[in-house]
Amino acid sequence: MSMAEIVIYFNPQCGTARNVLAMIRNAGIEPLVIEYLKNPPSREVLRQLATRAGAKLRDWLREKDTPYAELGLDNLALSDDELLDAIEQHPILLNRPIVVTPLGVRLCRPSELVLDILPTPQQAEFSKEDGEAVVDATGQRVR
């Protein structure tokens, strides 16, 4: 599996993102890791990803530990262009991790959502950083 086939928009400070990256690697895949706070995706890429995911850009906004409230982003009248302006100025507003595979695009919150779009199965048991079991010894989801 080539790196170009699987991409994760990643923040190393985020436990959910670290869990998702670990599950991708547990499937035997080394993805292209884009630290989106250092290298934010372009407006056009964000539009395309949201469309491919069947999501609204608003669904990808992060409220916690961001300037969401101060910027008035809870205003439902704001257009996608206005939301993209805010994300462009404050990439931390983009929720994470977003994963792109040949099987789809997902905002992987909770982290187990990545399992639905990985093209290869889990190769070993996997537990999240907090100890919650996700995959058993046979590579099957626990729940």
Protein backbone atom coordinates (compact mmCIF):
# COMPACT_ATOMS: atom_id res chain seq x y z
CA MET A 1 0.00 0.00 0.00
CA SER A 2 1.62 3.25 -1.08
CA MET A 3 1.69 6.32 1.13
CA ALA A 4 -0.24 8.38 -1.42
CA GLU A 5 -3.27 6.11 -1.01
CA ILE A 6 -3.83 6.83 2.70
CA VAL A 7 -3.58 10.34 4.15
CA ILE A 8 -4.19 11.47 7.71
CA TYR A 9 -4.60 15.14 8.65
CA PHE A 10 -2.96 14.90 12.04
CA ASN A 11 -2.25 16.83 15.22
CA PRO A 12 0.36 15.05 17.38
CA GLN A 13 -1.12 16.70 20.51
CA CYS A 14 -4.48 14.96 19.93
CA GLY A 15 -5.02 11.56 21.55
CA THR A 16 -7.77 10.66 19.08
CA ALA A 17 -5.45 11.43 16.16
CA ARG A 18 -2.65 9.36 17.72
CA ASN A 19 -5.05 6.42 18.19
CA VAL A 20 -6.21 6.67 14.56
CA LEU A 21 -2.64 6.77 13.26
CA ALA A 22 -1.82 3.71 15.37
CA MET A 23 -4.83 1.81 13.95
CA ILE A 24 -3.78 2.68 10.39
CA ARG A 25 -0.30 1.34 11.16
CA ASN A 26 -1.88 -1.72 12.85
CA ALA A 27 -3.39 -2.48 9.43
CA GLY A 28 0.13 -2.61 7.97
CA ILE A 29 -0.16 0.81 6.30
CA GLU A 30 2.25 3.71 6.60
CA PRO A 31 0.12 6.74 5.67
CA LEU A 32 1.11 10.16 4.47
CA VAL A 33 0.92 12.15 7.72
CA ILE A 34 0.04 15.82 7.26
CA GLU A 35 0.38 17.92 10.39
CA TYR A 36 -2.40 20.28 9.38
CA LEU A 37 -1.47 22.98 11.90
CA LYS A 38 1.91 23.33 10.12
CA ASN A 39 0.62 22.57 6.59
CA PRO A 40 -3.10 23.37 6.45
CA PRO A 41 -5.07 21.99 3.50
CA SER A 42 -6.17 24.55 0.93
CA ARG A 43 -9.75 25.77 0.78
CA GLU A 44 -10.33 23.69 -2.34
CA VAL A 45 -8.92 20.54 -0.74
CA LEU A 46 -11.14 21.06 2.31
CA ARG A 47 -14.20 21.50 0.09
CA GLN A 48 -13.35 18.33 -1.84
CA LEU A 49 -12.71 16.31 1.31
CA ALA A 50 -15.98 17.40 2.92
CA THR A 51 -17.88 16.58 -0.29
CA ARG A 52 -16.24 13.15 -0.55
CA ALA A 53 -17.07 12.49 3.11
CA GLY A 54 -20.68 13.57 2.59
CA ALA A 55 -20.17 16.12 5.36
CA LYS A 56 -20.90 19.79 5.80
CA LEU A 57 -17.88 21.97 6.53
CA ARG A 58 -19.66 23.11 9.68
CA ASP A 59 -19.58 19.49 10.92
CA TRP A 60 -15.78 19.62 10.81
CA LEU A 61 -15.41 22.68 13.03
CA ARG A 62 -13.82 22.17 16.42
CA GLU A 63 -15.23 24.23 19.28
CA LYS A 64 -13.11 23.06 22.23
CA ASP A 65 -9.82 24.93 22.78
CA THR A 66 -10.31 27.09 19.67
CA PRO A 67 -11.50 30.66 18.90
CA TYR A 68 -14.86 29.22 17.68
CA ALA A 69 -17.00 31.20 20.14
CA GLU A 70 -15.04 34.46 19.85
CA LEU A 71 -15.36 34.32 16.06
CA GLY A 72 -19.13 33.81 16.26
CA LEU A 73 -18.94 30.54 14.30
CA ASP A 74 -22.10 29.30 16.00
CA ASN A 75 -23.98 31.63 13.62
CA LEU A 76 -25.74 29.15 11.31
CA ALA A 77 -26.14 31.86 8.65
CA LEU A 78 -22.40 31.81 7.91
CA SER A 79 -21.55 30.49 4.45
CA ASP A 80 -18.99 27.79 3.68
CA ASP A 81 -16.71 30.54 2.36
CA GLU A 82 -16.94 32.36 5.69
CA LEU A 83 -16.20 29.13 7.55
CA LEU A 84 -13.24 28.48 5.24
CA ASP A 85 -11.97 32.02 5.91
CA ALA A 86 -11.98 31.24 9.63
CA ILE A 87 -10.27 27.86 9.18
CA GLU A 88 -7.67 29.45 6.92
CA GLN A 89 -6.86 32.05 9.60
CA HIS A 90 -7.10 29.55 12.50
CA PRO A 91 -6.33 25.97 11.32
CA ILE A 92 -6.97 24.74 14.90
CA LEU A 93 -10.68 25.17 14.05
CA LEU A 94 -10.48 22.12 11.79
CA ASN A 95 -11.47 19.05 13.75
CA ARG A 96 -9.24 16.02 13.49
CA PRO A 97 -8.20 13.56 12.43
CA ILE A 98 -9.46 13.49 8.86
CA VAL A 99 -8.44 10.32 7.02
CA VAL A 100 -8.48 9.77 3.26
CA THR A 101 -8.34 6.22 1.83
CA PRO A 102 -9.46 4.59 -1.44
CA LEU A 103 -12.61 3.57 0.48
CA GLY A 104 -13.61 7.05 1.61
CA VAL A 105 -12.96 10.17 3.66
CA ARG A 106 -13.92 10.43 7.32
CA LEU A 107 -13.54 12.68 10.30
CA CYS A 108 -12.49 9.86 12.64
CA ARG A 109 -14.16 10.87 15.88
CA PRO A 110 -14.47 8.45 17.58
CA SER A 111 -11.20 6.94 16.42
CA GLU A 112 -12.72 3.53 15.57
CA LEU A 113 -14.43 5.11 12.53
CA VAL A 114 -11.14 4.72 10.69
CA LEU A 115 -11.68 0.93 10.66
CA ASP A 116 -14.62 1.43 8.26
CA ILE A 117 -12.41 2.94 5.56
CA LEU A 118 -9.15 1.00 5.85
CA PRO A 119 -8.52 -1.25 2.84
CA THR A 120 -6.68 -3.87 4.90
CA PRO A 121 -7.70 -5.55 8.17
CA GLN A 122 -6.14 -4.99 11.55
CA GLN A 123 -3.14 -7.28 11.95
CA ALA A 124 -3.00 -7.47 15.72
CA GLU A 125 -4.79 -6.66 18.93
CA PHE A 126 -5.22 -2.92 19.51
CA SER A 127 -6.16 -0.81 22.51
CA LYS A 128 -6.43 2.97 22.65
CA GLU A 129 -4.01 5.03 24.72
CA ASP A 130 -6.54 5.00 27.57
CA GLY A 131 -6.56 1.18 27.55
CA GLU A 132 -9.94 0.72 25.84
CA ALA A 133 -9.79 -2.42 23.69
CA VAL A 134 -10.76 -1.80 20.05
CA VAL A 135 -9.48 -4.87 18.19
CA ASP A 136 -9.06 -8.39 19.57
CA ALA A 137 -6.17 -10.83 18.98
CA THR A 138 -7.85 -12.09 15.78
CA GLY A 139 -7.99 -8.59 14.30
CA GLN A 140 -11.75 -8.23 14.83
CA ARG A 141 -13.47 -5.19 16.33
CA VAL A 142 -14.32 -5.69 19.97
CA ARG A 143 -17.66 -3.86 19.55
